[in-house]
Every structure is written in structure tokens, then in C-alpha cells.
Amino acid sequence: MSKKLPVLIAAMVLAPVAMAQVGTTLKEGAKATSEKAQELGDDVKASTQSAPASAVTRAKAAVHHAKAHHAAKKAKDAAKEVPK
């Protein structure tokens, strides 16, 4: 029993940390997917619009692309932090 106690205490301390990192990974991954979908939607919309509106929509798509890239990087970094 005495050998199992330190392992049990360590598990109780590290479990919330691991769950928090997994939650962050999932949240940021979902953000990246959402932004990528918005980017693609804006690209399709821009292809059917006239020149001035198309430029605005393409700029919005570029913003979504940058946000998706940022969220994917945060998700990747959070996944690396999950204790193994």
C-alpha cells in the first residue's frame, strides 16, 4: 500500500493538468477548423462577386486563414504539453 500512495497522489495532481491541455488542444483545433471553413466560404463567395466586393471578401478570407494558422499552432503546442 505504501508504494501505491505516491503514485496515487501524483495521478491526482497531474490528471487535471492533462485534462486542461487536452481541452485546450480540442478547443484550438475546433477554432482552426471553423476559421478554415470560413476562409473557404469567403473564397467561393469572392469568385462569384464583382471586382470591388471580391477584393473585400478575399481580404476577409486572408484574415480567416491567418486565424486558422494561429489556432492550429496553439493546438499543436498544447498537444505537446500533454503529459505522457
N, C-alpha and C. Protein backbone atom coordinates (compact mmCIF):
# COMPACT_ATOMS: atom_id res chain seq x y z
N MET A 1 0.82 -1.20 0.00
CA MET A 1 0.00 0.00 0.00
C MET A 1 0.87 1.26 0.00
N SER A 2 1.99 1.21 0.72
CA SER A 2 2.82 2.40 0.83
C SER A 2 3.48 2.76 -0.50
N LYS A 3 3.71 1.79 -1.37
CA LYS A 3 4.30 2.09 -2.68
C LYS A 3 3.28 2.68 -3.64
N LYS A 4 2.03 2.36 -3.43
CA LYS A 4 0.97 2.85 -4.32
C LYS A 4 0.54 4.27 -3.98
N LEU A 5 0.75 4.69 -2.75
CA LEU A 5 0.31 6.02 -2.32
C LEU A 5 0.97 7.15 -3.12
N PRO A 6 2.29 7.17 -3.31
CA PRO A 6 2.88 8.26 -4.12
C PRO A 6 2.37 8.27 -5.56
N VAL A 7 2.15 7.11 -6.12
CA VAL A 7 1.63 7.03 -7.49
C VAL A 7 0.21 7.60 -7.54
N LEU A 8 -0.60 7.26 -6.54
CA LEU A 8 -1.97 7.76 -6.48
C LEU A 8 -1.99 9.28 -6.33
N ILE A 9 -1.13 9.80 -5.46
CA ILE A 9 -1.07 11.25 -5.26
C ILE A 9 -0.61 11.95 -6.54
N ALA A 10 0.39 11.41 -7.21
CA ALA A 10 0.87 12.00 -8.46
C ALA A 10 -0.22 11.99 -9.52
N ALA A 11 -0.97 10.91 -9.59
CA ALA A 11 -2.05 10.82 -10.57
C ALA A 11 -3.14 11.85 -10.29
N MET A 12 -3.43 12.06 -9.02
CA MET A 12 -4.47 13.03 -8.66
C MET A 12 -4.02 14.46 -8.96
N VAL A 13 -2.73 14.72 -8.84
CA VAL A 13 -2.21 16.06 -9.10
C VAL A 13 -2.09 16.32 -10.60
N LEU A 14 -1.63 15.34 -11.37
CA LEU A 14 -1.37 15.55 -12.79
C LEU A 14 -2.60 15.40 -13.67
N ALA A 15 -3.62 14.70 -13.23
CA ALA A 15 -4.80 14.47 -14.07
C ALA A 15 -5.48 15.77 -14.50
N PRO A 16 -5.73 16.73 -13.60
CA PRO A 16 -6.36 17.98 -14.06
C PRO A 16 -5.51 18.74 -15.06
N VAL A 17 -4.18 18.69 -14.90
CA VAL A 17 -3.28 19.38 -15.84
C VAL A 17 -3.40 18.75 -17.22
N ALA A 18 -3.39 17.43 -17.27
CA ALA A 18 -3.50 16.74 -18.55
C ALA A 18 -4.85 17.02 -19.20
N MET A 19 -5.91 17.01 -18.42
CA MET A 19 -7.24 17.27 -18.97
C MET A 19 -7.34 18.70 -19.49
N ALA A 20 -6.71 19.65 -18.81
CA ALA A 20 -6.74 21.04 -19.27
C ALA A 20 -6.03 21.17 -20.60
N GLN A 21 -4.90 20.50 -20.76
CA GLN A 21 -4.16 20.57 -22.02
C GLN A 21 -4.95 19.92 -23.15
N VAL A 22 -5.61 18.81 -22.85
CA VAL A 22 -6.41 18.14 -23.87
C VAL A 22 -7.57 19.05 -24.26
N GLY A 23 -8.18 19.71 -23.28
CA GLY A 23 -9.28 20.63 -23.57
C GLY A 23 -8.81 21.78 -24.44
N THR A 24 -7.63 22.33 -24.15
CA THR A 24 -7.09 23.42 -24.96
C THR A 24 -6.81 22.94 -26.38
N THR A 25 -6.26 21.75 -26.49
CA THR A 25 -5.97 21.20 -27.81
C THR A 25 -7.24 21.05 -28.63
N LEU A 26 -8.28 20.51 -28.01
CA LEU A 26 -9.54 20.32 -28.73
C LEU A 26 -10.18 21.65 -29.11
N LYS A 27 -10.14 22.61 -28.18
CA LYS A 27 -10.76 23.91 -28.43
C LYS A 27 -10.05 24.63 -29.58
N GLU A 28 -8.74 24.65 -29.54
CA GLU A 28 -7.99 25.34 -30.59
C GLU A 28 -8.11 24.61 -31.94
N GLY A 29 -8.17 23.30 -31.89
CA GLY A 29 -8.38 22.54 -33.13
C GLY A 29 -9.72 22.85 -33.76
N ALA A 30 -10.74 23.00 -32.93
CA ALA A 30 -12.06 23.36 -33.44
C ALA A 30 -12.07 24.77 -34.01
N LYS A 31 -11.35 25.69 -33.35
CA LYS A 31 -11.24 27.05 -33.87
C LYS A 31 -10.58 27.05 -35.25
N ALA A 32 -9.51 26.27 -35.38
CA ALA A 32 -8.79 26.22 -36.65
C ALA A 32 -9.70 25.68 -37.76
N THR A 33 -10.46 24.65 -37.44
CA THR A 33 -11.37 24.08 -38.43
C THR A 33 -12.44 25.09 -38.83
N SER A 34 -12.98 25.79 -37.86
CA SER A 34 -14.01 26.80 -38.14
C SER A 34 -13.47 27.92 -39.02
N GLU A 35 -12.30 28.42 -38.67
CA GLU A 35 -11.71 29.51 -39.47
C GLU A 35 -11.39 29.05 -40.89
N LYS A 36 -10.93 27.82 -41.03
CA LYS A 36 -10.61 27.29 -42.36
C LYS A 36 -11.89 27.20 -43.20
N ALA A 37 -12.98 26.75 -42.58
CA ALA A 37 -14.25 26.67 -43.30
C ALA A 37 -14.73 28.06 -43.71
N GLN A 38 -14.57 29.04 -42.83
CA GLN A 38 -14.96 30.42 -43.18
C GLN A 38 -14.09 30.96 -44.31
N GLU A 39 -12.82 30.64 -44.26
CA GLU A 39 -11.91 31.07 -45.33
C GLU A 39 -12.35 30.51 -46.67
N LEU A 40 -12.63 29.22 -46.70
CA LEU A 40 -13.05 28.59 -47.95
C LEU A 40 -14.38 29.17 -48.44
N GLY A 41 -15.29 29.43 -47.51
CA GLY A 41 -16.57 30.04 -47.88
C GLY A 41 -16.37 31.42 -48.49
N ASP A 42 -15.48 32.20 -47.91
CA ASP A 42 -15.20 33.54 -48.44
C ASP A 42 -14.55 33.45 -49.81
N ASP A 43 -13.67 32.48 -50.02
CA ASP A 43 -13.05 32.32 -51.34
C ASP A 43 -14.09 31.99 -52.40
N VAL A 44 -15.01 31.11 -52.07
CA VAL A 44 -16.07 30.76 -53.03
C VAL A 44 -16.95 31.96 -53.30
N LYS A 45 -17.31 32.68 -52.25
CA LYS A 45 -18.14 33.87 -52.41
C LYS A 45 -17.43 34.92 -53.27
N ALA A 46 -16.13 35.10 -53.06
CA ALA A 46 -15.37 36.10 -53.82
C ALA A 46 -15.30 35.74 -55.30
N SER A 47 -15.30 34.46 -55.60
CA SER A 47 -15.19 34.06 -57.01
C SER A 47 -16.46 34.38 -57.81
N THR A 48 -17.56 34.62 -57.11
CA THR A 48 -18.80 34.93 -57.83
C THR A 48 -19.17 36.41 -57.77
N GLN A 49 -18.36 37.23 -57.12
CA GLN A 49 -18.67 38.65 -56.96
C GLN A 49 -17.93 39.50 -57.97
N SER A 50 -18.40 40.76 -58.07
CA SER A 50 -17.72 41.72 -58.93
C SER A 50 -16.43 42.19 -58.25
N ALA A 51 -15.64 42.96 -58.96
CA ALA A 51 -14.29 43.31 -58.51
C ALA A 51 -14.21 43.98 -57.14
N PRO A 52 -14.93 45.07 -56.86
CA PRO A 52 -14.73 45.71 -55.56
C PRO A 52 -15.14 44.81 -54.38
N ALA A 53 -16.28 44.17 -54.50
CA ALA A 53 -16.74 43.30 -53.41
C ALA A 53 -15.85 42.08 -53.28
N SER A 54 -15.33 41.62 -54.39
CA SER A 54 -14.47 40.45 -54.39
C SER A 54 -13.18 40.71 -53.60
N ALA A 55 -12.64 41.90 -53.75
CA ALA A 55 -11.40 42.24 -53.03
C ALA A 55 -11.63 42.25 -51.52
N VAL A 56 -12.77 42.77 -51.10
CA VAL A 56 -13.10 42.80 -49.67
C VAL A 56 -13.26 41.38 -49.14
N THR A 57 -13.95 40.55 -49.89
CA THR A 57 -14.19 39.18 -49.46
C THR A 57 -12.89 38.39 -49.42
N ARG A 58 -12.01 38.63 -50.37
CA ARG A 58 -10.70 37.94 -50.35
C ARG A 58 -9.86 38.40 -49.16
N ALA A 59 -9.98 39.66 -48.78
CA ALA A 59 -9.27 40.15 -47.60
C ALA A 59 -9.80 39.46 -46.34
N LYS A 60 -11.12 39.27 -46.28
CA LYS A 60 -11.70 38.54 -45.15
C LYS A 60 -11.18 37.11 -45.11
N ALA A 61 -11.07 36.50 -46.28
CA ALA A 61 -10.56 35.13 -46.36
C ALA A 61 -9.12 35.06 -45.86
N ALA A 62 -8.33 36.08 -46.17
CA ALA A 62 -6.94 36.11 -45.70
C ALA A 62 -6.89 36.22 -44.18
N VAL A 63 -7.80 36.98 -43.59
CA VAL A 63 -7.86 37.10 -42.13
C VAL A 63 -8.22 35.75 -41.52
N HIS A 64 -9.22 35.07 -42.10
CA HIS A 64 -9.59 33.74 -41.60
C HIS A 64 -8.43 32.76 -41.72
N HIS A 65 -7.67 32.88 -42.80
CA HIS A 65 -6.52 32.00 -42.99
C HIS A 65 -5.48 32.21 -41.88
N ALA A 66 -5.22 33.47 -41.55
CA ALA A 66 -4.26 33.78 -40.50
C ALA A 66 -4.74 33.28 -39.15
N LYS A 67 -6.03 33.46 -38.87
CA LYS A 67 -6.58 32.99 -37.60
C LYS A 67 -6.53 31.47 -37.51
N ALA A 68 -6.82 30.80 -38.61
CA ALA A 68 -6.77 29.33 -38.63
C ALA A 68 -5.34 28.85 -38.38
N HIS A 69 -4.37 29.50 -38.99
CA HIS A 69 -2.98 29.13 -38.80
C HIS A 69 -2.57 29.31 -37.34
N HIS A 70 -2.99 30.42 -36.74
CA HIS A 70 -2.65 30.71 -35.35
C HIS A 70 -3.29 29.68 -34.41
N ALA A 71 -4.56 29.37 -34.63
CA ALA A 71 -5.25 28.40 -33.77
C ALA A 71 -4.65 27.01 -33.92
N ALA A 72 -4.27 26.64 -35.13
CA ALA A 72 -3.66 25.32 -35.34
C ALA A 72 -2.31 25.24 -34.63
N LYS A 73 -1.55 26.32 -34.66
CA LYS A 73 -0.26 26.33 -33.95
C LYS A 73 -0.46 26.21 -32.45
N LYS A 74 -1.45 26.92 -31.91
CA LYS A 74 -1.72 26.83 -30.47
C LYS A 74 -2.17 25.41 -30.10
N ALA A 75 -2.97 24.78 -30.95
CA ALA A 75 -3.42 23.42 -30.69
C ALA A 75 -2.25 22.46 -30.71
N LYS A 76 -1.34 22.65 -31.65
CA LYS A 76 -0.17 21.78 -31.74
C LYS A 76 0.73 21.95 -30.52
N ASP A 77 0.92 23.19 -30.09
CA ASP A 77 1.75 23.45 -28.91
C ASP A 77 1.11 22.87 -27.65
N ALA A 78 -0.21 22.99 -27.53
CA ALA A 78 -0.91 22.44 -26.37
C ALA A 78 -0.83 20.93 -26.35
N ALA A 79 -0.89 20.32 -27.51
CA ALA A 79 -0.79 18.86 -27.59
C ALA A 79 0.59 18.38 -27.14
N LYS A 80 1.61 19.18 -27.41
CA LYS A 80 2.97 18.80 -26.98
C LYS A 80 3.10 18.86 -25.46
N GLU A 81 2.29 19.69 -24.82
CA GLU A 81 2.39 19.89 -23.38
C GLU A 81 1.63 18.82 -22.59
N VAL A 82 0.83 18.01 -23.24
CA VAL A 82 0.07 16.99 -22.52
C VAL A 82 1.06 15.99 -21.94
N PRO A 83 1.04 15.82 -20.64
CA PRO A 83 1.96 14.86 -20.02
C PRO A 83 1.69 13.44 -20.50
N LYS A 84 2.74 12.70 -20.70
CA LYS A 84 2.58 11.35 -21.20
C LYS A 84 2.78 10.35 -20.11
